[in-house]
PDB file of N, CA and C in Angstrom:
ATOM      1  N   UNK A   1      17.527  -4.717  -5.489  1.00  0.00           N
ATOM      2  CA  UNK A   1      16.621  -3.974  -6.344  1.00  0.00           C
ATOM      3  C   UNK A   1      15.381  -3.544  -5.584  1.00  0.00           C
ATOM      4  N   UNK A   2      14.943  -4.354  -4.620  1.00  0.00           N
ATOM      5  CA  UNK A   2      13.687  -4.072  -3.949  1.00  0.00           C
ATOM      6  C   UNK A   2      13.715  -2.745  -3.196  1.00  0.00           C
ATOM      7  N   UNK A   3      14.797  -2.452  -2.473  1.00  0.00           N
ATOM      8  CA  UNK A   3      14.828  -1.257  -1.657  1.00  0.00           C
ATOM      9  C   UNK A   3      15.273  -0.023  -2.404  1.00  0.00           C
ATOM     10  N   UNK A   4      15.670  -0.178  -3.649  1.00  0.00           N
ATOM     11  CA  UNK A   4      16.237   0.935  -4.399  1.00  0.00           C
ATOM     12  C   UNK A   4      15.266   2.092  -4.568  1.00  0.00           C
ATOM     13  N   UNK A   5      14.006   1.813  -4.772  1.00  0.00           N
ATOM     14  CA  UNK A   5      13.035   2.859  -5.031  1.00  0.00           C
ATOM     15  C   UNK A   5      12.071   3.043  -3.861  1.00  0.00           C
ATOM     16  N   UNK A   6      12.406   2.507  -2.704  1.00  0.00           N
ATOM     17  CA  UNK A   6      11.525   2.595  -1.540  1.00  0.00           C
ATOM     18  C   UNK A   6      11.303   4.050  -1.149  1.00  0.00           C
ATOM     19  N   UNK A   7      10.093   4.401  -0.790  1.00  0.00           N
ATOM     20  CA  UNK A   7       9.766   5.761  -0.369  1.00  0.00           C
ATOM     21  C   UNK A   7       9.396   6.676  -1.511  1.00  0.00           C
ATOM     22  N   UNK A   8       9.388   6.175  -2.733  1.00  0.00           N
ATOM     23  CA  UNK A   8       9.014   6.982  -3.892  1.00  0.00           C
ATOM     24  C   UNK A   8       7.676   6.506  -4.429  1.00  0.00           C
ATOM     25  N   UNK A   9       6.999   7.366  -5.132  1.00  0.00           N
ATOM     26  CA  UNK A   9       5.761   6.992  -5.808  1.00  0.00           C
ATOM     27  C   UNK A   9       5.970   7.205  -7.294  1.00  0.00           C
ATOM     28  N   UNK A  10       5.197   6.511  -8.092  1.00  0.00           N
ATOM     29  CA  UNK A  10       5.329   6.593  -9.537  1.00  0.00           C
ATOM     30  C   UNK A  10       4.009   7.042 -10.139  1.00  0.00           C
ATOM     31  N   UNK A  11       4.089   7.962 -11.095  1.00  0.00           N
ATOM     32  CA  UNK A  11       2.921   8.375 -11.860  1.00  0.00           C
ATOM     33  C   UNK A  11       3.356   8.478 -13.313  1.00  0.00           C
ATOM     34  N   UNK A  12       2.747   7.703 -14.170  1.00  0.00           N
ATOM     35  CA  UNK A  12       3.085   7.685 -15.594  1.00  0.00           C
ATOM     36  C   UNK A  12       4.563   7.440 -15.835  1.00  0.00           C
ATOM     37  N   UNK A  13       5.153   6.551 -15.049  1.00  0.00           N
ATOM     38  CA  UNK A  13       6.546   6.188 -15.237  1.00  0.00           C
ATOM     39  C   UNK A  13       7.547   7.167 -14.665  1.00  0.00           C
ATOM     40  N   UNK A  14       7.100   8.217 -13.969  1.00  0.00           N
ATOM     41  CA  UNK A  14       8.002   9.205 -13.387  1.00  0.00           C
ATOM     42  C   UNK A  14       7.986   9.081 -11.867  1.00  0.00           C
ATOM     43  N   UNK A  15       9.144   9.212 -11.259  1.00  0.00           N
ATOM     44  CA  UNK A  15       9.251   9.087  -9.805  1.00  0.00           C
ATOM     45  C   UNK A  15       8.825  10.393  -9.157  1.00  0.00           C
ATOM     46  N   UNK A  16       7.937  10.287  -8.184  1.00  0.00           N
ATOM     47  CA  UNK A  16       7.495  11.439  -7.411  1.00  0.00           C
ATOM     48  C   UNK A  16       8.001  11.272  -5.990  1.00  0.00           C
ATOM     49  N   UNK A  17       8.455  12.348  -5.398  1.00  0.00           N
ATOM     50  CA  UNK A  17       8.889  12.272  -4.011  1.00  0.00           C
ATOM     51  C   UNK A  17       7.763  12.756  -3.122  1.00  0.00           C
ATOM     52  N   UNK A  18       7.829  12.447  -1.859  1.00  0.00           N
ATOM     53  CA  UNK A  18       6.781  12.850  -0.935  1.00  0.00           C
ATOM     54  C   UNK A  18       6.501  11.747   0.049  1.00  0.00           C
ATOM     55  N   UNK A  19       5.284  11.701   0.530  1.00  0.00           N
ATOM     56  CA  UNK A  19       4.892  10.710   1.526  1.00  0.00           C
ATOM     57  C   UNK A  19       4.983   9.302   0.962  1.00  0.00           C
ATOM     58  N   UNK A  20       5.751   8.420   1.594  1.00  0.00           N
ATOM     59  CA  UNK A  20       5.781   7.039   1.128  1.00  0.00           C
ATOM     60  C   UNK A  20       4.462   6.342   1.440  1.00  0.00           C
ATOM     61  N   UNK A  21       4.080   5.445   0.585  1.00  0.00           N
ATOM     62  CA  UNK A  21       2.844   4.690   0.758  1.00  0.00           C
ATOM     63  C   UNK A  21       3.197   3.338   1.352  1.00  0.00           C
ATOM     64  N   UNK A  22       2.527   2.957   2.423  1.00  0.00           N
ATOM     65  CA  UNK A  22       2.831   1.675   3.046  1.00  0.00           C
ATOM     66  C   UNK A  22       2.245   0.540   2.219  1.00  0.00           C
ATOM     67  N   UNK A  23       2.998  -0.539   2.127  1.00  0.00           N
ATOM     68  CA  UNK A  23       2.539  -1.711   1.392  1.00  0.00           C
ATOM     69  C   UNK A  23       2.711  -1.618  -0.103  1.00  0.00           C
ATOM     70  N   UNK A  24       3.341  -0.543  -0.592  1.00  0.00           N
ATOM     71  CA  UNK A  24       3.551  -0.370  -2.034  1.00  0.00           C
ATOM     72  C   UNK A  24       5.030  -0.075  -2.256  1.00  0.00           C
ATOM     73  N   UNK A  25       5.613  -0.719  -3.277  1.00  0.00           N
ATOM     74  CA  UNK A  25       6.993  -0.415  -3.630  1.00  0.00           C
ATOM     75  C   UNK A  25       7.105  -0.274  -5.138  1.00  0.00           C
ATOM     76  N   UNK A  26       8.152   0.375  -5.584  1.00  0.00           N
ATOM     77  CA  UNK A  26       8.359   0.620  -7.005  1.00  0.00           C
ATOM     78  C   UNK A  26       9.411  -0.335  -7.552  1.00  0.00           C
ATOM     79  N   UNK A  27       9.109  -0.931  -8.699  1.00  0.00           N
ATOM     80  CA  UNK A  27      10.051  -1.809  -9.389  1.00  0.00           C
ATOM     81  C   UNK A  27       9.991  -1.484 -10.874  1.00  0.00           C
ATOM     82  N   UNK A  28      11.002  -1.924 -11.606  1.00  0.00           N
ATOM     83  CA  UNK A  28      10.967  -1.766 -13.054  1.00  0.00           C
ATOM     84  C   UNK A  28       9.884  -2.672 -13.629  1.00  0.00           C
ATOM     85  N   UNK A  29       9.274  -2.246 -14.709  1.00  0.00           N
ATOM     86  CA  UNK A  29       8.182  -3.016 -15.316  1.00  0.00           C
ATOM     87  C   UNK A  29       8.643  -4.411 -15.717  1.00  0.00           C
ATOM     88  N   UNK A  30       9.895  -4.554 -16.115  1.00  0.00           N
ATOM     89  CA  UNK A  30      10.392  -5.868 -16.519  1.00  0.00           C
ATOM     90  C   UNK A  30      10.530  -6.827 -15.335  1.00  0.00           C
ATOM     91  N   UNK A  31      10.499  -6.308 -14.096  1.00  0.00           N
ATOM     92  CA  UNK A  31      10.623  -7.149 -12.898  1.00  0.00           C
ATOM     93  C   UNK A  31       9.274  -7.620 -12.367  1.00  0.00           C
ATOM     94  N   UNK A  32       8.172  -7.127 -12.924  1.00  0.00           N
ATOM     95  CA  UNK A  32       6.837  -7.540 -12.489  1.00  0.00           C
ATOM     96  C   UNK A  32       6.595  -8.973 -12.965  1.00  0.00           C
ATOM     97  N   UNK A  33       5.977  -9.774 -12.139  1.00  0.00           N
ATOM     98  CA  UNK A  33       5.699 -11.162 -12.467  1.00  0.00           C
ATOM     99  C   UNK A  33       4.206 -11.451 -12.389  1.00  0.00           C
ATOM    100  N   UNK A  34       3.774 -12.525 -13.054  1.00  0.00           N
ATOM    101  CA  UNK A  34       2.384 -12.960 -13.010  1.00  0.00           C
ATOM    102  C   UNK A  34       2.025 -13.246 -11.551  1.00  0.00           C
ATOM    103  N   UNK A  35       0.885 -12.729 -11.120  1.00  0.00           N
ATOM    104  CA  UNK A  35       0.442 -12.904  -9.744  1.00  0.00           C
ATOM    105  C   UNK A  35       0.695 -11.677  -8.879  1.00  0.00           C
ATOM    106  N   UNK A  36       1.585 -10.773  -9.326  1.00  0.00           N
ATOM    107  CA  UNK A  36       1.820  -9.527  -8.587  1.00  0.00           C
ATOM    108  C   UNK A  36       0.614  -8.615  -8.734  1.00  0.00           C
ATOM    109  N   UNK A  37       0.414  -7.747  -7.759  1.00  0.00           N
ATOM    110  CA  UNK A  37      -0.632  -6.736  -7.834  1.00  0.00           C
ATOM    111  C   UNK A  37       0.012  -5.408  -8.156  1.00  0.00           C
ATOM    112  N   UNK A  38      -0.368  -4.793  -9.299  1.00  0.00           N
ATOM    113  CA  UNK A  38       0.166  -3.493  -9.674  1.00  0.00           C
ATOM    114  C   UNK A  38      -0.898  -2.432  -9.437  1.00  0.00           C
ATOM    115  N   UNK A  39      -0.435  -1.221  -9.190  1.00  0.00           N
ATOM    116  CA  UNK A  39      -1.352  -0.103  -8.975  1.00  0.00           C
ATOM    117  C   UNK A  39      -1.602   0.576 -10.323  1.00  0.00           C
ATOM    118  N   UNK A  40      -2.859   0.588 -10.764  1.00  0.00           N
ATOM    119  CA  UNK A  40      -3.250   1.214 -12.026  1.00  0.00           C
ATOM    120  C   UNK A  40      -4.417   2.144 -11.734  1.00  0.00           C
ATOM    121  N   UNK A  41      -4.209   3.417 -11.888  1.00  0.00           N
ATOM    122  CA  UNK A  41      -5.276   4.379 -11.638  1.00  0.00           C
ATOM    123  C   UNK A  41      -5.782   4.356 -10.212  1.00  0.00           C
ATOM    124  N   UNK A  42      -4.884   4.080  -9.256  1.00  0.00           N
ATOM    125  CA  UNK A  42      -5.285   4.047  -7.860  1.00  0.00           C
ATOM    126  C   UNK A  42      -5.908   2.735  -7.411  1.00  0.00           C
ATOM    127  N   UNK A  43      -5.997   1.748  -8.312  1.00  0.00           N
ATOM    128  CA  UNK A  43      -6.554   0.433  -7.977  1.00  0.00           C
ATOM    129  C   UNK A  43      -5.447  -0.603  -7.986  1.00  0.00           C
ATOM    130  N   UNK A  44      -5.564  -1.599  -7.161  1.00  0.00           N
ATOM    131  CA  UNK A  44      -4.635  -2.730  -7.180  1.00  0.00           C
ATOM    132  C   UNK A  44      -5.212  -3.788  -8.113  1.00  0.00           C
ATOM    133  N   UNK A  45      -4.454  -4.138  -9.146  1.00  0.00           N
ATOM    134  CA  UNK A  45      -4.915  -5.097 -10.141  1.00  0.00           C
ATOM    135  C   UNK A  45      -3.929  -6.258 -10.233  1.00  0.00           C
ATOM    136  N   UNK A  46      -4.440  -7.479 -10.243  1.00  0.00           N
ATOM    137  CA  UNK A  46      -3.597  -8.673 -10.305  1.00  0.00           C
ATOM    138  C   UNK A  46      -3.167  -8.932 -11.746  1.00  0.00           C
ATOM    139  N   UNK A  47      -1.861  -9.140 -11.946  1.00  0.00           N
ATOM    140  CA  UNK A  47      -1.321  -9.424 -13.273  1.00  0.00           C
ATOM    141  C   UNK A  47      -1.647 -10.875 -13.617  1.00  0.00           C
ATOM    142  N   UNK A  48      -2.341 -11.069 -14.741  1.00  0.00           N
ATOM    143  CA  UNK A  48      -2.756 -12.398 -15.181  1.00  0.00           C
ATOM    144  C   UNK A  48      -1.755 -12.958 -16.193  1.00  0.00           C
ATOM    145  N   UNK A  49      -1.362 -12.143 -17.164  1.00  0.00           N
ATOM    146  CA  UNK A  49      -0.341 -12.542 -18.139  1.00  0.00           C
ATOM    147  C   UNK A  49       0.607 -11.381 -18.363  1.00  0.00           C
ATOM    148  N   UNK A  50       1.819 -11.715 -18.790  1.00  0.00           N
ATOM    149  CA  UNK A  50       2.842 -10.714 -19.061  1.00  0.00           C
ATOM    150  C   UNK A  50       3.577 -11.113 -20.319  1.00  0.00           C
ATOM    151  N   UNK A  51       3.854 -10.143 -21.188  1.00  0.00           N
ATOM    152  CA  UNK A  51       4.660 -10.427 -22.374  1.00  0.00           C
ATOM    153  C   UNK A  51       5.627  -9.270 -22.586  1.00  0.00           C
ATOM    154  N   UNK A  52       6.799  -9.595 -23.105  1.00  0.00           N
ATOM    155  CA  UNK A  52       7.844  -8.599 -23.335  1.00  0.00           C
ATOM    156  C   UNK A  52       8.184  -8.616 -24.819  1.00  0.00           C
ATOM    157  N   UNK A  53       8.171  -7.430 -25.445  1.00  0.00           N
ATOM    158  CA  UNK A  53       8.531  -7.341 -26.856  1.00  0.00           C
ATOM    159  C   UNK A  53      10.031  -7.165 -26.990  1.00  0.00           C
ATOM    160  N   UNK A  54      10.544  -7.405 -28.175  1.00  0.00           N
ATOM    161  CA  UNK A  54      11.960  -7.184 -28.441  1.00  0.00           C
ATOM    162  C   UNK A  54      12.237  -5.689 -28.471  1.00  0.00           C
ATOM    163  N   UNK A  55      13.507  -5.349 -28.285  1.00  0.00           N
ATOM    164  CA  UNK A  55      13.876  -3.938 -28.422  1.00  0.00           C
ATOM    165  C   UNK A  55      13.694  -3.540 -29.876  1.00  0.00           C
ATOM    166  N   UNK A  56      13.244  -2.336 -30.066  1.00  0.00           N
ATOM    167  CA  UNK A  56      12.974  -1.860 -31.413  1.00  0.00           C
ATOM    168  C   UNK A  56      14.092  -1.003 -31.965  1.00  0.00           C
ATOM    169  N   UNK A  57      13.765  -0.263 -32.986  1.00  0.00           N
ATOM    170  CA  UNK A  57      14.726   0.590 -33.675  1.00  0.00           C
ATOM    171  C   UNK A  57      15.351   1.612 -32.727  1.00  0.00           C
ATOM    172  N   UNK A  58      14.576   2.085 -31.769  1.00  0.00           N
ATOM    173  CA  UNK A  58      15.067   3.105 -30.843  1.00  0.00           C
ATOM    174  C   UNK A  58      15.498   2.528 -29.503  1.00  0.00           C
ATOM    175  N   UNK A  59      15.553   1.208 -29.384  1.00  0.00           N
ATOM    176  CA  UNK A  59      16.164   0.553 -28.246  1.00  0.00           C
ATOM    177  C   UNK A  59      15.335   0.358 -26.998  1.00  0.00           C
ATOM    178  N   UNK A  60      14.018   0.440 -27.070  1.00  0.00           N
ATOM    179  CA  UNK A  60      13.195   0.249 -25.877  1.00  0.00           C
ATOM    180  C   UNK A  60      12.297  -0.966 -26.037  1.00  0.00           C
ATOM    181  N   UNK A  61      12.449  -1.919 -25.135  1.00  0.00           N
ATOM    182  CA  UNK A  61      11.541  -3.063 -25.108  1.00  0.00           C
ATOM    183  C   UNK A  61      10.269  -2.633 -24.387  1.00  0.00           C
ATOM    184  N   UNK A  62       9.157  -3.224 -24.740  1.00  0.00           N
ATOM    185  CA  UNK A  62       7.869  -2.916 -24.113  1.00  0.00           C
ATOM    186  C   UNK A  62       7.397  -4.121 -23.316  1.00  0.00           C
ATOM    187  N   UNK A  63       6.733  -3.845 -22.195  1.00  0.00           N
ATOM    188  CA  UNK A  63       6.162  -4.888 -21.348  1.00  0.00           C
ATOM    189  C   UNK A  63       4.652  -4.698 -21.348  1.00  0.00           C
ATOM    190  N   UNK A  64       3.935  -5.737 -21.727  1.00  0.00           N
ATOM    191  CA  UNK A  64       2.464  -5.693 -21.713  1.00  0.00           C
ATOM    192  C   UNK A  64       1.991  -6.518 -20.523  1.00  0.00           C
ATOM    193  N   UNK A  65       1.231  -5.875 -19.640  1.00  0.00           N
ATOM    194  CA  UNK A  65       0.702  -6.534 -18.442  1.00  0.00           C
ATOM    195  C   UNK A  65      -0.812  -6.601 -18.554  1.00  0.00           C
ATOM    196  N   UNK A  66      -1.341  -7.819 -18.649  1.00  0.00           N
ATOM    197  CA  UNK A  66      -2.788  -8.016 -18.682  1.00  0.00           C
ATOM    198  C   UNK A  66      -3.243  -8.284 -17.255  1.00  0.00           C
ATOM    199  N   UNK A  67      -4.305  -7.621 -16.837  1.00  0.00           N
ATOM    200  CA  UNK A  67      -4.808  -7.799 -15.480  1.00  0.00           C
ATOM    201  C   UNK A  67      -6.319  -7.864 -15.503  1.00  0.00           C
ATOM    202  N   UNK A  68      -6.864  -8.381 -14.433  1.00  0.00           N
ATOM    203  CA  UNK A  68      -8.319  -8.452 -14.341  1.00  0.00           C
ATOM    204  C   UNK A  68      -8.760  -7.794 -13.049  1.00  0.00           C
ATOM    205  N   UNK A  69      -9.661  -6.879 -13.178  1.00  0.00           N
ATOM    206  CA  UNK A  69     -10.270  -6.215 -12.038  1.00  0.00           C
ATOM    207  C   UNK A  69     -11.648  -5.788 -12.531  1.00  0.00           C
ATOM    208  N   UNK A  70     -12.621  -6.685 -12.378  1.00  0.00           N
ATOM    209  CA  UNK A  70     -13.961  -6.470 -12.937  1.00  0.00           C
ATOM    210  C   UNK A  70     -13.897  -6.321 -14.450  1.00  0.00           C
ATOM    211  N   UNK A  71     -13.174  -7.194 -15.109  1.00  0.00           N
ATOM    212  CA  UNK A  71     -13.050  -7.164 -16.564  1.00  0.00           C
ATOM    213  C   UNK A  71     -11.612  -7.407 -16.952  1.00  0.00           C
ATOM    214  N   UNK A  72     -11.375  -7.530 -18.238  1.00  0.00           N
ATOM    215  CA  UNK A  72     -10.023  -7.786 -18.720  1.00  0.00           C
ATOM    216  C   UNK A  72      -9.456  -6.515 -19.329  1.00  0.00           C
ATOM    217  N   UNK A  73      -8.353  -6.049 -18.782  1.00  0.00           N
ATOM    218  CA  UNK A  73      -7.708  -4.828 -19.261  1.00  0.00           C
ATOM    219  C   UNK A  73      -6.207  -5.060 -19.327  1.00  0.00           C
ATOM    220  N   UNK A  74      -5.471  -4.144 -19.966  1.00  0.00           N
ATOM    221  CA  UNK A  74      -4.027  -4.261 -20.013  1.00  0.00           C
ATOM    222  C   UNK A  74      -3.383  -2.882 -20.011  1.00  0.00           C
ATOM    223  N   UNK A  75      -2.114  -2.859 -19.656  1.00  0.00           N
ATOM    224  CA  UNK A  75      -1.301  -1.652 -19.730  1.00  0.00           C
ATOM    225  C   UNK A  75       0.015  -2.028 -20.394  1.00  0.00           C
ATOM    226  N   UNK A  76       0.644  -1.058 -21.062  1.00  0.00           N
ATOM    227  CA  UNK A  76       1.924  -1.277 -21.717  1.00  0.00           C
ATOM    228  C   UNK A  76       2.905  -0.238 -21.188  1.00  0.00           C
ATOM    229  N   UNK A  77       4.070  -0.707 -20.754  1.00  0.00           N
ATOM    230  CA  UNK A  77       5.122   0.163 -20.228  1.00  0.00           C
ATOM    231  C   UNK A  77       6.428  -0.119 -20.958  1.00  0.00           C
ATOM    232  N   UNK A  78       7.339   0.862 -20.963  1.00  0.00           N
ATOM    233  CA  UNK A  78       8.713   0.572 -21.356  1.00  0.00           C
ATOM    234  C   UNK A  78       9.287  -0.322 -20.274  1.00  0.00           C
ATOM    235  N   UNK A  79      10.201  -1.199 -20.623  1.00  0.00           N
ATOM    236  CA  UNK A  79      10.717  -2.159 -19.646  1.00  0.00           C
ATOM    237  C   UNK A  79      11.456  -1.476 -18.496  1.00  0.00           C
ATOM    238  N   UNK A  80      11.994  -0.263 -18.715  1.00  0.00           N
ATOM    239  CA  UNK A  80      12.718   0.452 -17.659  1.00  0.00           C
ATOM    240  C   UNK A  80      11.790   1.307 -16.790  1.00  0.00           C
ATOM    241  N   UNK A  81      10.530   1.461 -17.171  1.00  0.00           N
ATOM    242  CA  UNK A  81       9.599   2.325 -16.437  1.00  0.00           C
ATOM    243  C   UNK A  81       9.350   1.765 -15.046  1.00  0.00           C
ATOM    244  N   UNK A  82       9.139   2.652 -14.085  1.00  0.00           N
ATOM    245  CA  UNK A  82       8.837   2.247 -12.710  1.00  0.00           C
ATOM    246  C   UNK A  82       7.358   2.022 -12.541  1.00  0.00           C
ATOM    247  N   UNK A  83       7.021   0.922 -11.887  1.00  0.00           N
ATOM    248  CA  UNK A  83       5.640   0.522 -11.656  1.00  0.00           C
ATOM    249  C   UNK A  83       5.462   0.280 -10.166  1.00  0.00           C
ATOM    250  N   UNK A  84       4.328   0.716  -9.601  1.00  0.00           N
ATOM    251  CA  UNK A  84       4.030   0.462  -8.195  1.00  0.00           C
ATOM    252  C   UNK A  84       3.408  -0.918  -8.076  1.00  0.00           C
ATOM    253  N   UNK A  85       3.929  -1.726  -7.147  1.00  0.00           N
ATOM    254  CA  UNK A  85       3.318  -3.016  -6.861  1.00  0.00           C
ATOM    255  C   UNK A  85       3.048  -3.119  -5.373  1.00  0.00           C
ATOM    256  N   UNK A  86       1.992  -3.857  -5.026  1.00  0.00           N
ATOM    257  CA  UNK A  86       1.671  -4.095  -3.623  1.00  0.00           C
ATOM    258  C   UNK A  86       2.517  -5.210  -3.096  1.00  0.00           C
ATOM    259  N   UNK A  87       2.896  -5.105  -1.840  1.00  0.00           N
ATOM    260  CA  UNK A  87       3.719  -6.150  -1.215  1.00  0.00           C
ATOM    261  C   UNK A  87       2.850  -7.188  -0.570  1.00  0.00           C
TER     262      UNK A  87
END
């Protein structure tokens, strides 16, 4: 799974092609773990807590990632969405 998305960048859950970024790889949101650093708005933010909701009526589970980077913030992704994480 790790090398599957190597060389791609992600913006709003969509894969962009172009110059690969060193030290960053793309994984599904459901594969992110507590302690990983995700890229949010061009910043690397450490994941403090993670929760996954059940699949809903339309079949998409959601992943909520809480992170701290000068404050407490969170992002919510579909579990299949691609997220950039630092290696």
